[in-house]
Amino acid sequence: MQNIKNDLLIKEIARQIKELRLSRNLSQEDVYLDTDIHCGRLEQGKNNITVSTLKVLCDYFQISLSDFFNRIEKHLSK
């Protein structure tokens, strides 16, 4: 099976993670200390994020996965 990578989607996920972090006045270090996730790497939008990692971040930011993806869909459809 071929590894499929959607760069536009990955970049939008990265942007949304950064937006959520900044809207809560959190540093990348704050997120790392609380979750053990290097969100700085994710925010660069170069690597594909796993669903498990995204779920941990959504729980941390108190947003459902469906709401997270709705935000992405709204932005990509503009």
C-alpha atoms as a PDB file:
ATOM      1  CA  MET A   1       0.000   0.000   0.000  1.00  0.00           C
ATOM      2  CA  GLN A   2       1.326   3.399  -0.949  1.00  0.00           C
ATOM      3  CA  ASN A   3       1.917   5.965   1.798  1.00  0.00           C
ATOM      4  CA  ILE A   4      -0.367   8.887   0.947  1.00  0.00           C
ATOM      5  CA  LYS A   5       0.472  12.338   2.292  1.00  0.00           C
ATOM      6  CA  ASN A   6      -1.771  15.369   1.903  1.00  0.00           C
ATOM      7  CA  ASP A   7       0.516  18.346   2.515  1.00  0.00           C
ATOM      8  CA  LEU A   8      -2.307  20.886   2.543  1.00  0.00           C
ATOM      9  CA  LEU A   9      -4.206  18.947   5.212  1.00  0.00           C
ATOM     10  CA  ILE A  10      -1.065  18.410   7.320  1.00  0.00           C
ATOM     11  CA  LYS A  11      -0.274  22.124   7.201  1.00  0.00           C
ATOM     12  CA  GLU A  12      -3.827  23.019   8.214  1.00  0.00           C
ATOM     13  CA  ILE A  13      -3.729  20.579  11.131  1.00  0.00           C
ATOM     14  CA  ALA A  14      -0.463  22.195  12.198  1.00  0.00           C
ATOM     15  CA  ARG A  15      -1.987  25.660  11.928  1.00  0.00           C
ATOM     16  CA  GLN A  16      -4.999  24.646  14.000  1.00  0.00           C
ATOM     17  CA  ILE A  17      -2.823  23.124  16.736  1.00  0.00           C
ATOM     18  CA  LYS A  18      -0.800  26.316  16.921  1.00  0.00           C
ATOM     19  CA  GLU A  19      -3.948  28.457  16.948  1.00  0.00           C
ATOM     20  CA  LEU A  20      -5.448  26.416  19.793  1.00  0.00           C
ATOM     21  CA  ARG A  21      -2.215  26.633  21.777  1.00  0.00           C
ATOM     22  CA  LEU A  22      -1.874  30.385  21.322  1.00  0.00           C
ATOM     23  CA  SER A  23      -5.547  31.031  22.078  1.00  0.00           C
ATOM     24  CA  ARG A  24      -4.939  29.478  25.488  1.00  0.00           C
ATOM     25  CA  ASN A  25      -1.732  31.486  26.039  1.00  0.00           C
ATOM     26  CA  LEU A  26       0.358  28.318  26.249  1.00  0.00           C
ATOM     27  CA  SER A  27       3.954  27.967  25.193  1.00  0.00           C
ATOM     28  CA  GLN A  28       5.223  24.946  23.305  1.00  0.00           C
ATOM     29  CA  GLU A  29       7.066  24.026  26.482  1.00  0.00           C
ATOM     30  CA  ASP A  30       3.819  24.160  28.492  1.00  0.00           C
ATOM     31  CA  VAL A  31       2.218  21.685  26.098  1.00  0.00           C
ATOM     32  CA  TYR A  32       5.263  19.430  26.174  1.00  0.00           C
ATOM     33  CA  LEU A  33       5.447  19.399  29.968  1.00  0.00           C
ATOM     34  CA  ASP A  34       1.731  18.609  30.226  1.00  0.00           C
ATOM     35  CA  THR A  35       1.471  16.029  27.417  1.00  0.00           C
ATOM     36  CA  ASP A  36       4.994  14.841  26.458  1.00  0.00           C
ATOM     37  CA  ILE A  37       4.151  15.927  22.895  1.00  0.00           C
ATOM     38  CA  HIS A  38       6.559  18.177  20.991  1.00  0.00           C
ATOM     39  CA  CYS A  39       3.943  20.417  19.427  1.00  0.00           C
ATOM     40  CA  GLY A  40       6.687  22.602  17.951  1.00  0.00           C
ATOM     41  CA  ARG A  41       7.530  19.791  15.573  1.00  0.00           C
ATOM     42  CA  LEU A  42       3.872  19.325  14.710  1.00  0.00           C
ATOM     43  CA  GLU A  43       3.331  23.044  14.191  1.00  0.00           C
ATOM     44  CA  GLN A  44       5.949  23.033  11.442  1.00  0.00           C
ATOM     45  CA  GLY A  45       3.523  21.008   9.336  1.00  0.00           C
ATOM     46  CA  LYS A  46       6.207  18.755   7.903  1.00  0.00           C
ATOM     47  CA  ASN A  47       5.206  15.451   9.486  1.00  0.00           C
ATOM     48  CA  ASN A  48       2.004  13.470   9.452  1.00  0.00           C
ATOM     49  CA  ILE A  49       0.434  13.412  12.927  1.00  0.00           C
ATOM     50  CA  THR A  50      -1.060  10.188  14.267  1.00  0.00           C
ATOM     51  CA  VAL A  51      -4.701  10.062  15.247  1.00  0.00           C
ATOM     52  CA  SER A  52      -3.654   9.010  18.754  1.00  0.00           C
ATOM     53  CA  THR A  53      -1.457  12.081  19.171  1.00  0.00           C
ATOM     54  CA  LEU A  54      -4.169  14.344  17.792  1.00  0.00           C
ATOM     55  CA  LYS A  55      -6.673  12.851  20.247  1.00  0.00           C
ATOM     56  CA  VAL A  56      -4.355  13.590  23.190  1.00  0.00           C
ATOM     57  CA  LEU A  57      -3.954  17.190  22.006  1.00  0.00           C
ATOM     58  CA  CYS A  58      -7.687  17.632  21.439  1.00  0.00           C
ATOM     59  CA  ASP A  59      -8.386  16.339  24.944  1.00  0.00           C
ATOM     60  CA  TYR A  60      -5.729  18.691  26.288  1.00  0.00           C
ATOM     61  CA  PHE A  61      -7.240  21.674  24.468  1.00  0.00           C
ATOM     62  CA  GLN A  62     -10.739  20.517  25.443  1.00  0.00           C
ATOM     63  CA  ILE A  63     -12.021  20.190  21.905  1.00  0.00           C
ATOM     64  CA  SER A  64     -13.562  17.116  20.303  1.00  0.00           C
ATOM     65  CA  LEU A  65     -11.966  15.516  17.277  1.00  0.00           C
ATOM     66  CA  SER A  66     -15.090  16.311  15.266  1.00  0.00           C
ATOM     67  CA  ASP A  67     -14.934  20.001  16.238  1.00  0.00           C
ATOM     68  CA  PHE A  68     -11.234  20.054  15.404  1.00  0.00           C
ATOM     69  CA  PHE A  69     -11.870  18.641  11.938  1.00  0.00           C
ATOM     70  CA  ASN A  70     -14.864  20.920  11.418  1.00  0.00           C
ATOM     71  CA  ARG A  71     -12.544  23.883  11.968  1.00  0.00           C
ATOM     72  CA  ILE A  72     -10.160  22.466   9.395  1.00  0.00           C
ATOM     73  CA  GLU A  73     -12.909  21.776   6.895  1.00  0.00           C
ATOM     74  CA  LYS A  74     -14.242  25.334   7.218  1.00  0.00           C
ATOM     75  CA  HIS A  75     -10.796  26.788   6.603  1.00  0.00           C
ATOM     76  CA  LEU A  76      -9.968  24.503   3.664  1.00  0.00           C
ATOM     77  CA  SER A  77     -13.288  25.201   1.950  1.00  0.00           C
ATOM     78  CA  LYS A  78     -12.634  28.966   1.797  1.00  0.00           C
END
